[in-house]
N, C-alpha and C. Protein backbone atom coordinates (compact mmCIF):
# COMPACT_ATOMS: atom_id res chain seq x y z
N MET A 1 42.13 -7.35 19.59
CA MET A 1 41.69 -6.06 18.97
C MET A 1 39.95 -6.09 19.45
N GLY A 2 39.65 -4.50 20.03
CA GLY A 2 38.13 -4.56 20.17
C GLY A 2 37.64 -4.11 18.83
N ARG A 3 36.28 -3.83 19.29
CA ARG A 3 35.26 -3.57 18.10
C ARG A 3 34.51 -2.26 18.54
N ALA A 4 34.23 -1.39 17.74
CA ALA A 4 33.68 -0.08 17.89
C ALA A 4 32.05 -0.66 17.23
N PHE A 5 30.94 -0.54 18.30
CA PHE A 5 29.32 -0.46 17.93
C PHE A 5 28.94 0.77 18.13
N LEU A 6 27.90 0.67 17.09
CA LEU A 6 26.86 2.06 17.28
C LEU A 6 25.83 1.18 17.80
N LYS A 7 24.99 1.86 18.83
CA LYS A 7 23.87 1.50 19.49
C LYS A 7 22.53 1.73 18.77
N LEU A 8 22.13 1.16 17.83
CA LEU A 8 20.87 1.71 16.77
C LEU A 8 19.73 1.49 16.73
N ALA A 9 19.27 0.50 17.84
CA ALA A 9 17.99 0.29 18.22
C ALA A 9 17.84 -0.01 19.55
N ALA A 10 16.64 0.71 20.42
CA ALA A 10 16.28 0.46 21.57
C ALA A 10 14.89 0.50 21.88
N ASN A 11 14.31 -0.16 22.27
CA ASN A 11 13.04 0.32 22.78
C ASN A 11 12.54 0.96 24.19
N ASP A 12 13.59 1.70 24.55
CA ASP A 12 13.44 2.26 25.88
C ASP A 12 14.76 3.66 25.60
N LEU A 13 14.81 4.19 24.56
CA LEU A 13 15.32 5.30 24.31
C LEU A 13 14.75 6.40 25.17
N PHE A 14 13.40 6.67 24.95
CA PHE A 14 12.86 8.08 25.65
C PHE A 14 12.01 7.86 26.82
N ARG A 15 12.27 6.99 27.21
CA ARG A 15 11.42 6.25 28.57
C ARG A 15 12.24 7.29 29.73
N GLN A 16 10.89 7.34 30.40
CA GLN A 16 11.00 8.42 32.05
C GLN A 16 11.15 7.46 32.78
N ARG A 17 11.75 7.80 33.91
CA ARG A 17 11.41 6.87 35.08
C ARG A 17 9.90 6.63 35.58
N GLN A 18 8.93 7.31 35.20
CA GLN A 18 7.72 7.52 35.92
C GLN A 18 6.99 6.71 34.94
N ASP A 19 7.40 6.42 33.51
CA ASP A 19 7.03 5.29 32.61
C ASP A 19 6.88 3.95 33.32
N PRO A 20 5.79 3.38 32.49
CA PRO A 20 5.44 1.62 33.36
C PRO A 20 6.81 1.07 32.76
N PHE A 21 7.11 0.29 33.25
CA PHE A 21 8.29 -0.84 32.88
C PHE A 21 8.13 -1.45 31.74
N VAL A 22 8.84 -1.39 30.89
CA VAL A 22 8.94 -2.50 29.51
C VAL A 22 10.47 -2.95 29.83
N VAL A 23 10.44 -4.44 29.08
CA VAL A 23 11.46 -5.48 29.13
C VAL A 23 12.53 -4.30 28.06
N PRO A 24 13.72 -4.12 28.46
CA PRO A 24 14.63 -3.34 26.92
C PRO A 24 15.40 -4.72 26.03
N PHE A 25 14.84 -3.79 24.75
CA PHE A 25 15.74 -4.77 23.71
C PHE A 25 16.53 -3.64 23.42
N ARG A 26 17.71 -3.93 22.61
CA ARG A 26 18.71 -3.26 22.13
C ARG A 26 19.16 -4.09 21.15
N VAL A 27 19.91 -3.43 19.73
CA VAL A 27 20.52 -4.03 18.88
C VAL A 27 21.70 -2.28 18.66
N ALA A 28 22.76 -3.41 18.42
CA ALA A 28 24.01 -2.73 18.15
C ALA A 28 24.60 -3.33 17.09
N VAL A 29 25.40 -2.36 16.02
CA VAL A 29 26.27 -3.09 14.97
C VAL A 29 27.71 -2.62 14.53
N SER A 30 28.72 -3.25 14.30
CA SER A 30 29.53 -3.02 14.29
C SER A 30 29.65 -3.38 12.80
N LEU A 31 30.08 -2.23 11.84
CA LEU A 31 30.66 -2.88 10.35
C LEU A 31 32.23 -2.55 10.14
N GLU A 32 33.12 -2.35 11.03
CA GLU A 32 34.47 -2.42 10.45
C GLU A 32 35.41 -2.79 11.98
N PRO A 33 35.94 -3.69 11.74
CA PRO A 33 36.73 -4.45 10.12
C PRO A 33 35.76 -5.38 9.92
N LEU A 34 35.56 -5.76 8.66
CA LEU A 34 34.84 -6.50 7.95
C LEU A 34 35.11 -8.24 8.98
N PRO A 35 34.45 -9.27 8.79
CA PRO A 35 33.20 -9.17 9.05
C PRO A 35 32.18 -8.29 9.86
N ALA A 36 31.21 -7.85 9.49
CA ALA A 36 30.10 -7.04 10.51
C ALA A 36 29.38 -8.07 11.71
N PHE A 37 29.48 -7.18 12.62
CA PHE A 37 28.77 -8.18 13.41
C PHE A 37 27.59 -7.19 13.96
N VAL A 38 26.53 -7.72 14.73
CA VAL A 38 25.39 -7.42 15.61
C VAL A 38 25.47 -7.93 17.04
N ALA A 39 25.07 -7.21 17.91
CA ALA A 39 25.21 -7.51 18.98
C ALA A 39 23.55 -7.29 19.72
N PHE A 40 22.95 -8.08 20.30
CA PHE A 40 21.59 -7.82 21.08
C PHE A 40 21.79 -8.04 22.38
N GLU A 41 20.74 -7.21 22.71
CA GLU A 41 20.56 -7.27 24.16
C GLU A 41 19.58 -7.21 24.46
N GLU A 42 18.72 -8.33 25.88
CA GLU A 42 17.56 -8.08 26.47
C GLU A 42 17.63 -8.38 27.89
N GLY A 43 16.69 -7.53 28.51
CA GLY A 43 16.43 -7.58 30.08
C GLY A 43 17.14 -6.68 30.72
N VAL A 44 17.04 -6.95 31.94
CA VAL A 44 17.67 -6.06 32.80
C VAL A 44 17.92 -7.18 33.90
N ALA A 45 19.54 -6.95 34.79
CA ALA A 45 19.54 -7.52 36.53
C ALA A 45 20.04 -9.03 35.60
N HIS A 46 19.38 -9.58 36.61
CA HIS A 46 19.53 -11.07 36.64
C HIS A 46 18.84 -11.99 35.29
N GLY A 47 17.81 -10.89 34.85
CA GLY A 47 17.12 -11.55 33.69
C GLY A 47 18.01 -10.71 32.25
N TYR A 48 19.14 -10.32 32.00
CA TYR A 48 19.47 -9.76 31.44
C TYR A 48 20.35 -10.70 30.57
N HIS A 49 20.49 -10.68 29.08
CA HIS A 49 21.11 -11.64 28.33
C HIS A 49 21.67 -10.76 27.17
N GLY A 50 22.60 -11.38 26.24
CA GLY A 50 22.83 -10.81 24.99
C GLY A 50 24.02 -11.55 24.30
N GLY A 51 24.54 -10.82 23.59
CA GLY A 51 25.63 -11.81 22.72
C GLY A 51 25.87 -10.73 21.39
N VAL A 52 27.21 -11.19 20.93
CA VAL A 52 27.46 -10.46 19.75
C VAL A 52 27.27 -11.92 18.73
N PHE A 53 27.10 -11.60 17.15
CA PHE A 53 26.80 -12.66 16.61
C PHE A 53 27.29 -11.92 14.94
N PRO A 54 27.75 -12.58 14.08
CA PRO A 54 28.36 -12.50 12.58
C PRO A 54 26.72 -12.07 12.03
N LEU A 55 26.91 -11.13 11.76
CA LEU A 55 25.98 -10.66 10.23
C LEU A 55 24.98 -11.98 10.13
N THR A 56 25.86 -12.81 9.02
CA THR A 56 24.63 -13.56 8.79
C THR A 56 23.95 -14.45 9.71
N GLU A 57 24.23 -14.79 10.70
CA GLU A 57 23.58 -15.37 11.83
C GLU A 57 22.66 -14.28 12.23
N ALA A 58 22.98 -13.07 12.51
CA ALA A 58 21.74 -12.23 13.40
C ALA A 58 21.05 -11.71 11.81
N LEU A 59 21.10 -12.20 10.91
CA LEU A 59 20.15 -12.05 10.07
C LEU A 59 19.24 -13.23 9.59
N ASP A 60 19.38 -14.23 10.51
CA ASP A 60 18.41 -15.19 10.58
C ASP A 60 16.82 -14.85 11.24
N HIS A 61 15.63 -15.58 10.58
CA HIS A 61 14.45 -15.26 10.84
C HIS A 61 14.52 -15.49 12.80
N ASP A 62 14.88 -16.49 13.26
CA ASP A 62 15.08 -16.46 15.12
C ASP A 62 15.29 -14.91 15.63
N TRP A 63 16.13 -14.16 14.81
CA TRP A 63 16.29 -12.89 15.95
C TRP A 63 15.38 -11.85 15.09
N GLN A 64 14.52 -12.08 14.33
CA GLN A 64 13.42 -11.07 14.08
C GLN A 64 13.06 -10.29 15.24
N ARG A 65 12.21 -11.11 15.93
CA ARG A 65 11.66 -10.70 17.23
C ARG A 65 12.20 -9.58 18.04
N VAL A 66 14.14 -9.74 18.04
CA VAL A 66 14.44 -8.90 18.64
C VAL A 66 14.43 -7.72 17.90
N PHE A 67 14.76 -7.57 16.62
CA PHE A 67 14.83 -6.24 15.79
C PHE A 67 13.11 -5.65 15.73
N GLU A 68 12.47 -6.38 15.91
CA GLU A 68 10.73 -5.56 16.18
C GLU A 68 10.95 -5.25 17.34
N GLN A 69 10.95 -5.82 18.74
CA GLN A 69 10.84 -5.40 20.23
C GLN A 69 11.97 -4.13 20.26
N ALA A 70 13.32 -4.26 19.48
CA ALA A 70 14.22 -3.14 19.78
C ALA A 70 13.67 -1.94 18.77
N GLU A 71 12.52 -2.10 18.15
CA GLU A 71 11.88 -0.90 17.32
C GLU A 71 13.07 -0.52 16.23
N GLY A 72 13.72 -1.83 15.86
CA GLY A 72 15.12 -1.89 14.96
C GLY A 72 14.80 -2.62 13.40
N ILE A 73 13.52 -2.76 13.16
CA ILE A 73 13.35 -3.06 11.65
C ILE A 73 13.82 -2.34 10.45
N TRP A 74 13.88 -0.75 10.81
CA TRP A 74 14.88 -0.36 9.86
C TRP A 74 16.19 -0.17 9.07
N LEU A 75 16.64 -0.94 10.23
CA LEU A 75 17.95 -1.98 10.04
C LEU A 75 18.17 -2.79 9.24
N LEU A 76 17.33 -3.52 9.10
CA LEU A 76 17.52 -4.75 8.48
C LEU A 76 17.74 -4.62 7.11
N PRO A 77 16.99 -3.55 5.82
CA PRO A 77 17.81 -3.52 4.37
C PRO A 77 18.96 -3.17 4.55
N TYR A 78 19.62 -2.59 5.68
CA TYR A 78 20.85 -2.42 5.50
C TYR A 78 21.53 -3.32 5.79
N LEU A 79 21.53 -4.15 6.47
CA LEU A 79 21.86 -5.36 7.16
C LEU A 79 21.88 -6.10 6.14
N ARG A 80 20.76 -6.62 5.23
CA ARG A 80 20.85 -7.42 4.16
C ARG A 80 21.89 -6.78 3.04
N ARG A 81 21.72 -5.58 2.52
CA ARG A 81 22.67 -5.19 1.64
C ARG A 81 24.37 -5.52 1.75
N LEU A 82 24.19 -5.13 2.93
CA LEU A 82 25.82 -5.54 3.95
C LEU A 82 26.22 -7.01 3.48
N ALA A 83 25.32 -7.79 3.77
CA ALA A 83 25.71 -9.32 3.43
C ALA A 83 25.22 -9.64 2.30
N GLU A 84 25.04 -8.86 1.40
CA GLU A 84 24.93 -9.40 -0.08
C GLU A 84 25.71 -8.75 -0.55
N GLY A 85 26.89 -8.17 0.17
CA GLY A 85 28.22 -7.55 -0.15
C GLY A 85 28.22 -6.02 -0.85
N GLU A 86 27.07 -5.49 -0.60
CA GLU A 86 27.10 -4.31 -1.01
C GLU A 86 27.84 -3.29 0.33
N ARG A 87 27.96 -2.54 -0.51
CA ARG A 87 29.10 -1.42 0.97
C ARG A 87 27.99 -0.66 1.31
N VAL A 88 27.74 -0.71 2.93
CA VAL A 88 27.05 0.27 3.72
C VAL A 88 28.06 0.63 4.77
N CYS A 89 28.22 2.09 4.56
CA CYS A 89 28.95 2.58 5.58
C CYS A 89 28.14 3.33 6.88
N GLU A 90 29.10 3.30 7.87
CA GLU A 90 28.65 3.59 9.10
C GLU A 90 27.32 5.59 9.18
N PHE A 91 28.15 6.14 8.28
CA PHE A 91 27.46 7.60 7.73
C PHE A 91 25.90 7.07 7.51
N ASP A 92 25.65 6.44 6.57
CA ASP A 92 23.97 6.34 6.31
C ASP A 92 23.67 5.62 7.72
N LEU A 93 24.18 4.70 8.45
CA LEU A 93 23.36 4.22 9.53
C LEU A 93 23.32 5.50 10.38
N VAL A 94 23.86 6.35 10.54
CA VAL A 94 24.08 7.30 11.78
C VAL A 94 22.97 8.67 10.94
N SER A 95 23.07 8.65 10.09
CA SER A 95 22.20 9.61 9.07
C SER A 95 20.51 9.22 9.56
N HIS A 96 20.55 7.98 9.23
CA HIS A 96 18.89 7.31 9.46
C HIS A 96 18.49 7.22 10.97
N TYR A 97 19.62 6.94 12.14
CA TYR A 97 18.83 6.79 13.10
C TYR A 97 18.84 8.69 13.65
N ILE A 98 19.99 9.45 13.09
CA ILE A 98 19.53 10.88 13.73
C ILE A 98 17.93 11.54 12.82
N ALA A 99 17.84 10.92 11.78
CA ALA A 99 16.43 11.33 11.14
C ALA A 99 15.41 11.25 12.11
N LEU A 100 15.76 9.69 12.46
CA LEU A 100 14.39 8.88 13.54
C LEU A 100 14.20 9.90 14.97
N HIS A 101 15.49 9.71 16.05
CA HIS A 101 15.26 10.05 17.14
C HIS A 101 16.47 11.43 17.15
N GLY A 102 16.89 12.60 16.22
CA GLY A 102 17.14 13.66 16.70
C GLY A 102 18.70 13.90 17.29
N SER A 103 19.11 12.94 17.43
CA SER A 103 20.45 12.69 17.82
C SER A 103 21.55 11.50 17.36
N ALA A 104 22.46 11.83 17.72
CA ALA A 104 23.33 10.85 17.35
C ALA A 104 23.51 9.42 18.00
N PRO A 105 23.62 8.03 17.46
CA PRO A 105 23.50 6.90 18.61
C PRO A 105 24.62 6.76 19.54
N GLU A 106 24.52 6.51 20.50
CA GLU A 106 25.50 5.75 21.57
C GLU A 106 26.26 5.06 21.00
N THR A 107 27.58 5.06 21.51
CA THR A 107 28.79 3.71 20.87
C THR A 107 29.43 3.24 21.93
N PHE A 108 29.85 1.94 21.80
CA PHE A 108 30.46 1.33 22.84
C PHE A 108 31.84 0.55 22.19
N ALA A 109 32.74 -0.01 22.62
CA ALA A 109 33.78 -0.55 22.17
C ALA A 109 33.81 -2.35 22.80
N THR A 110 34.24 -3.22 22.65
CA THR A 110 34.55 -4.54 23.32
C THR A 110 36.09 -4.41 23.48
N LYS A 111 36.68 -5.41 24.52
CA LYS A 111 37.80 -5.22 24.36
C LYS A 111 38.45 -6.39 23.57
N GLY A 112 39.76 -6.42 23.42
CA GLY A 112 40.11 -7.08 22.23
C GLY A 112 40.60 -8.73 22.65
């Protein structure tokens, strides 16, 4: 069974074609079914790499740089609360994203 992810952080959201190139960093979150997972992406073309990780691993200090580069530091309090057993709903994440960016985040689903 596949999982639905919300693309909640990316450093290239408003990049225009004429803007200087930046290495893209992105963070997506899947809350349900529990346990939650976090997807990280970095780079493009042959330099692209990424993966899907359990929430506890994604909160490891080693991933801090990706959250920073993707402009996703705002996600960390939500994810920490979730890791501590608190309920965090998709509505809260989407509402915060909309307040920051003015539109709903993109979504994608993995194949089962």
